[in-house]
Amino acid sequence: MKECPVSPCRSVLRRLTFALAYAACTVGTAGAAEFKVFAPNAAKEAVSAAIAAVESSARCKAAVQWTGTEAITKRIAEGEVVDVVVNASQNIDRQSREGQLAGPTRTDFARSGIGVAVPASSGRLDVSTTETLKSALLSARTVVVSSGTSGRHMVEAFGRLGIADQMKVKTKQPPSGSQIADFLASGEADIGFQQVSELIHAKGIHFLGPVPAELQNYTIYSGALHANAQNSTCARELLTALRSAPVQGIVRATGMDPL
C-alpha cells in the first residue's frame, strides 16, 4: 500500500498490522509491479495485513480502494477491472457466474457476525436476548443499519420481531461503505447494526456485542481474481496471504472467525 505507518500501536491487533506493514515499508516497493484491489471496510485490517505481506517481497505494490460490499459489486458489474476483488462470498459467487470474476480462485478467509452498538455518550443497553433487543429498538428514536448484507438481514429481522412498521419510520440506511459508528458517535442515531469487525474497535461508541443468536446472520468474506486480471501473479499471492497464520490472527482480533 502507498502509506507506511510511522509508529506501532499498543493493541495486539495494531502491533500485528504494524509489523507486517513495517516490513513492507522497509523493503520498499520501487520498481514493483502494481496490482489493483477492491476490498470492503469490514475486512480492512486483515486485508491490509495481507497486502503488507505481499508487498514485503518488493515484487508487488497494491493500489487498494476501500468501500462497502454493495459498492464493490456495483462497480464490478459496471465494468471496472481490478486484479483482486474481496467481497461477501455470495457476491463473489454471483459475479463469477456472470463471468466477471474467476470463480475457481475464490478464497474464503473470514466469517463475520452482526454486531450492535450505541453512542459512547449513552448508557450501555442489554441486547442479549430478542426481547431486550426488541425493547431497545422500540425505545430508540433513530436506528441505523448498513446497506450491505448485515443491514438487509436486520431489516428482515425487524419483521420477525413483529415491529417492521414501527421500525420503518425510524431506520436509516446510509450508502454502501458508510461507517455506522460515525452516525452513532455524532448522535445521529441511538442504535446501530453492522459487521462486528466494523464496530468492535470503533471510537465514540459502546460496542454491545453480537445480536442474539436467534437473529444472527454470518457473512463469509472471500477474495477472487477478476476474470480480466492484469497482474495475476501478485493477485494470487494476496489470496494466499489472506489464509496465512499472521493474517488469520488479525481476523480473530477484529472479532471475526478465521477460515
Protein backbone atom coordinates (compact mmCIF):
# COMPACT_ATOMS: atom_id res chain seq x y z
CA MET A 1 0.00 0.00 0.00
CA LYS A 2 1.13 3.55 -0.54
CA GLU A 3 1.17 4.75 3.08
CA CYS A 4 3.55 3.40 5.70
CA PRO A 5 2.99 3.63 9.44
CA VAL A 6 5.47 5.62 11.50
CA SER A 7 4.98 4.04 14.91
CA PRO A 8 3.47 0.84 16.36
CA CYS A 9 0.23 0.91 18.35
CA ARG A 10 -0.30 -0.58 21.76
CA SER A 11 -3.04 -3.05 20.95
CA VAL A 12 -2.19 -6.57 19.83
CA LEU A 13 -4.13 -6.06 16.62
CA ARG A 14 -2.28 -2.91 15.70
CA ARG A 15 1.11 -4.38 16.66
CA LEU A 16 0.49 -7.27 14.29
CA THR A 17 -0.64 -4.98 11.50
CA PHE A 18 2.27 -2.62 12.12
CA ALA A 19 4.83 -5.40 11.99
CA LEU A 20 3.60 -6.61 8.62
CA ALA A 21 3.25 -3.12 7.18
CA TYR A 22 6.65 -2.04 8.54
CA ALA A 23 8.29 -4.97 6.80
CA ALA A 24 6.75 -3.85 3.52
CA CYS A 25 7.90 -0.27 4.03
CA THR A 26 11.47 -1.13 4.97
CA VAL A 27 11.90 -3.35 1.92
CA GLY A 28 10.43 -0.68 -0.33
CA THR A 29 8.30 -1.03 -3.44
CA ALA A 30 10.28 0.95 -6.01
CA GLY A 31 10.00 -0.82 -9.34
CA ALA A 32 7.42 -3.26 -8.01
CA ALA A 33 4.52 -4.36 -10.19
CA GLU A 34 1.25 -2.70 -9.26
CA PHE A 35 -1.88 -4.74 -8.67
CA LYS A 36 -5.34 -3.34 -8.04
CA VAL A 37 -7.65 -4.39 -5.23
CA PHE A 38 -11.25 -3.67 -4.25
CA ALA A 39 -11.91 -4.55 -0.61
CA PRO A 40 -14.64 -3.91 1.98
CA ASN A 41 -14.17 -1.84 5.12
CA ALA A 42 -15.40 -4.79 7.20
CA ALA A 43 -12.20 -6.73 6.42
CA LYS A 44 -9.83 -3.76 6.23
CA GLU A 45 -7.36 -4.79 8.95
CA ALA A 46 -6.98 -8.34 7.68
CA VAL A 47 -6.70 -7.36 4.02
CA SER A 48 -4.24 -4.57 4.89
CA ALA A 49 -2.02 -7.09 6.68
CA ALA A 50 -2.19 -9.49 3.73
CA ILE A 51 -1.27 -6.69 1.33
CA ALA A 52 1.67 -5.71 3.54
CA ALA A 53 2.90 -9.30 3.49
CA VAL A 54 2.73 -9.41 -0.29
CA GLU A 55 4.47 -6.05 -0.64
CA SER A 56 7.30 -7.15 1.65
CA SER A 57 8.78 -9.15 -1.23
CA ALA A 58 9.29 -5.85 -3.15
CA ARG A 59 7.86 -7.52 -6.25
CA CYS A 60 4.32 -6.20 -5.81
CA LYS A 61 2.69 -2.90 -4.87
CA ALA A 62 -1.03 -2.66 -4.14
CA ALA A 63 -3.41 0.09 -5.20
CA VAL A 64 -6.39 -0.60 -2.98
CA GLN A 65 -9.81 1.03 -2.79
CA TRP A 66 -11.90 0.56 0.34
CA THR A 67 -15.68 0.72 0.27
CA GLY A 68 -18.75 -1.39 1.05
CA THR A 69 -19.67 -4.78 -0.36
CA GLU A 70 -22.58 -3.45 -2.40
CA ALA A 71 -20.48 -0.64 -3.87
CA ILE A 72 -17.81 -3.15 -4.89
CA THR A 73 -20.41 -5.38 -6.53
CA LYS A 74 -21.91 -2.44 -8.42
CA ARG A 75 -18.56 -1.21 -9.72
CA ILE A 76 -17.57 -4.65 -10.97
CA ALA A 77 -20.99 -5.05 -12.62
CA GLU A 78 -20.48 -1.71 -14.36
CA GLY A 79 -17.25 -2.94 -15.90
CA GLU A 80 -14.41 -1.79 -13.66
CA VAL A 81 -11.45 -4.13 -13.81
CA VAL A 82 -9.09 -4.81 -10.91
CA ASP A 83 -6.84 -7.75 -10.10
CA VAL A 84 -8.38 -8.90 -6.81
CA VAL A 85 -11.91 -8.47 -5.53
CA VAL A 86 -12.56 -9.05 -1.83
CA ASN A 87 -16.26 -9.21 -1.09
CA ALA A 88 -19.04 -11.13 0.61
CA SER A 89 -18.93 -14.69 -0.72
CA GLN A 90 -22.43 -14.57 -2.22
CA ASN A 91 -21.43 -11.54 -4.29
CA ILE A 92 -18.25 -13.31 -5.40
CA ASP A 93 -20.30 -16.32 -6.48
CA ARG A 94 -22.89 -14.28 -8.34
CA GLN A 95 -20.33 -12.30 -10.30
CA SER A 96 -18.36 -15.46 -11.01
CA ARG A 97 -21.47 -16.98 -12.58
CA GLU A 98 -21.87 -13.80 -14.62
CA GLY A 99 -18.30 -14.16 -15.90
CA GLN A 100 -16.86 -11.08 -14.22
CA LEU A 101 -14.76 -12.94 -11.62
CA ALA A 102 -12.70 -16.12 -11.79
CA GLY A 103 -14.82 -18.41 -9.64
CA PRO A 104 -12.22 -21.19 -9.13
CA THR A 105 -9.92 -18.69 -7.40
CA ARG A 106 -12.43 -17.93 -4.63
CA THR A 107 -10.56 -17.94 -1.30
CA ASP A 108 -12.58 -17.73 1.94
CA PHE A 109 -10.68 -16.20 4.85
CA ALA A 110 -13.12 -14.79 7.45
CA ARG A 111 -16.63 -15.14 8.83
CA SER A 112 -18.29 -12.16 10.48
CA GLY A 113 -21.45 -11.83 12.52
CA ILE A 114 -23.62 -8.75 13.02
CA GLY A 115 -22.91 -6.51 15.99
CA VAL A 116 -24.90 -3.91 17.93
CA ALA A 117 -23.60 -0.56 19.19
CA VAL A 118 -24.80 2.67 20.80
CA PRO A 119 -23.21 6.11 21.16
CA ALA A 120 -20.49 6.36 23.83
CA SER A 121 -22.49 9.20 25.38
CA SER A 122 -25.41 6.89 26.16
CA GLY A 123 -25.63 4.10 28.71
CA ARG A 124 -24.96 0.51 27.78
CA LEU A 125 -28.09 -1.47 26.91
CA ASP A 126 -28.90 -5.11 27.46
CA VAL A 127 -29.47 -6.53 23.99
CA SER A 128 -28.52 -10.11 24.81
CA THR A 129 -31.99 -11.55 24.12
CA THR A 130 -34.56 -10.97 21.42
CA GLU A 131 -36.93 -9.40 23.94
CA THR A 132 -34.39 -6.93 25.35
CA LEU A 133 -33.25 -6.02 21.84
CA LYS A 134 -36.85 -5.52 20.73
CA SER A 135 -37.48 -3.25 23.71
CA ALA A 136 -34.35 -1.20 22.93
CA LEU A 137 -35.38 -0.82 19.29
CA LEU A 138 -38.86 0.37 20.18
CA SER A 139 -37.41 2.90 22.63
CA ALA A 140 -34.87 4.28 20.16
CA ARG A 141 -35.63 7.45 18.24
CA THR A 142 -33.42 6.51 15.29
CA VAL A 143 -31.78 3.25 14.26
CA VAL A 144 -29.07 2.96 11.61
CA VAL A 145 -28.18 -0.19 9.65
CA SER A 146 -25.73 -0.81 6.85
CA SER A 147 -26.74 -1.11 3.21
CA GLY A 148 -24.85 -4.41 2.91
CA THR A 149 -25.68 -7.95 3.96
CA SER A 150 -25.93 -7.12 7.67
CA GLY A 151 -28.36 -4.25 7.09
CA ARG A 152 -30.63 -6.19 4.78
CA HIS A 153 -30.75 -9.02 7.29
CA MET A 154 -31.60 -6.71 10.18
CA VAL A 155 -34.49 -5.13 8.26
CA GLU A 156 -35.85 -8.66 7.80
CA ALA A 157 -35.21 -9.36 11.49
CA PHE A 158 -37.36 -6.38 12.48
CA GLY A 159 -40.21 -8.13 10.70
CA ARG A 160 -39.53 -11.37 12.55
CA LEU A 161 -39.72 -9.40 15.80
CA GLY A 162 -43.13 -8.09 14.74
CA ILE A 163 -42.03 -4.43 14.66
CA ALA A 164 -41.48 -3.85 10.93
CA ASP A 165 -43.96 -0.97 10.71
CA GLN A 166 -42.60 0.83 13.79
CA MET A 167 -39.02 0.47 12.56
CA LYS A 168 -39.70 1.60 9.00
CA VAL A 169 -40.15 5.23 10.04
CA LYS A 170 -37.08 5.36 12.30
CA THR A 171 -34.50 3.31 10.39
CA LYS A 172 -31.71 4.96 8.37
CA GLN A 173 -29.72 3.01 5.78
CA PRO A 174 -26.78 5.11 4.50
CA PRO A 175 -24.90 4.38 1.24
CA SER A 176 -22.60 1.38 0.86
CA GLY A 177 -19.24 1.97 2.53
CA SER A 178 -20.61 4.22 5.28
CA GLN A 179 -19.40 3.57 8.81
CA ILE A 180 -22.32 3.06 11.19
CA ALA A 181 -20.10 4.06 14.12
CA ASP A 182 -19.85 7.58 12.67
CA PHE A 183 -23.62 8.04 12.83
CA LEU A 184 -23.68 6.82 16.41
CA ALA A 185 -20.71 8.89 17.56
CA SER A 186 -22.23 12.04 16.07
CA GLY A 187 -25.57 11.45 17.82
CA GLU A 188 -27.50 10.90 14.58
CA ALA A 189 -28.74 7.50 15.76
CA ASP A 190 -29.41 5.74 19.05
CA ILE A 191 -28.66 2.15 18.00
CA GLY A 192 -26.66 0.82 15.08
CA PHE A 193 -26.02 -2.54 13.41
CA GLN A 194 -23.06 -3.52 11.25
CA GLN A 195 -20.48 -6.28 10.94
CA VAL A 196 -18.77 -6.89 14.29
CA SER A 197 -15.37 -6.13 12.74
CA GLU A 198 -16.50 -2.60 11.84
CA LEU A 199 -17.80 -1.82 15.33
CA ILE A 200 -15.58 -3.65 17.80
CA HIS A 201 -12.68 -1.15 17.77
CA ALA A 202 -14.55 1.98 16.58
CA LYS A 203 -14.22 5.20 18.56
CA GLY A 204 -17.10 7.16 20.03
CA ILE A 205 -19.38 4.18 20.59
CA HIS A 206 -20.14 1.37 23.02
CA PHE A 207 -19.95 -1.97 21.23
CA LEU A 208 -22.61 -4.07 22.95
CA GLY A 209 -21.77 -7.39 21.33
CA PRO A 210 -23.32 -9.59 18.65
CA VAL A 211 -27.04 -9.67 18.04
CA PRO A 212 -28.86 -12.56 19.79
CA ALA A 213 -28.25 -15.98 18.25
CA GLU A 214 -31.86 -16.30 17.04
CA LEU A 215 -31.40 -13.20 14.88
CA GLN A 216 -27.75 -13.65 13.94
CA ASN A 217 -26.54 -13.91 10.37
CA TYR A 218 -23.00 -14.57 9.20
CA THR A 219 -21.15 -13.18 6.20
CA ILE A 220 -18.20 -15.04 4.72
CA TYR A 221 -15.54 -12.79 3.21
CA SER A 222 -13.67 -14.11 0.21
CA GLY A 223 -11.15 -12.95 -2.34
CA ALA A 224 -11.10 -13.82 -6.03
CA LEU A 225 -9.26 -12.79 -9.16
CA HIS A 226 -11.07 -10.65 -11.69
CA ALA A 227 -11.71 -12.54 -14.93
CA ASN A 228 -9.56 -9.94 -16.71
CA ALA A 229 -6.89 -9.51 -14.04
CA GLN A 230 -3.74 -7.90 -15.43
CA ASN A 231 -1.40 -8.97 -12.63
CA SER A 232 -2.49 -12.45 -11.66
CA THR A 233 0.86 -13.27 -10.03
CA CYS A 234 0.60 -10.63 -7.30
CA ALA A 235 -3.14 -11.22 -7.07
CA ARG A 236 -2.64 -14.90 -6.30
CA GLU A 237 -0.03 -14.03 -3.69
CA LEU A 238 -2.61 -11.86 -1.96
CA LEU A 239 -5.16 -14.67 -1.91
CA THR A 240 -2.57 -16.97 -0.35
CA ALA A 241 -1.63 -14.32 2.24
CA LEU A 242 -5.26 -13.98 3.33
CA ARG A 243 -5.10 -17.56 4.65
CA SER A 244 -1.69 -17.15 6.34
CA ALA A 245 -1.35 -17.55 10.11
CA PRO A 246 -0.48 -13.88 10.86
CA VAL A 247 -3.44 -12.60 8.85
CA GLN A 248 -5.78 -15.17 10.35
CA GLY A 249 -4.66 -13.89 13.77
CA ILE A 250 -5.78 -10.41 12.77
CA VAL A 251 -9.09 -11.82 11.51
CA ARG A 252 -9.68 -13.21 15.01
CA ALA A 253 -8.54 -9.99 16.72
CA THR A 254 -11.13 -7.99 14.76
CA GLY A 255 -14.00 -10.14 16.02
CA MET A 256 -14.29 -12.45 13.04
CA ASP A 257 -13.82 -16.21 12.74
CA PRO A 258 -10.76 -17.34 10.77
CA LEU A 259 -11.42 -19.73 7.89
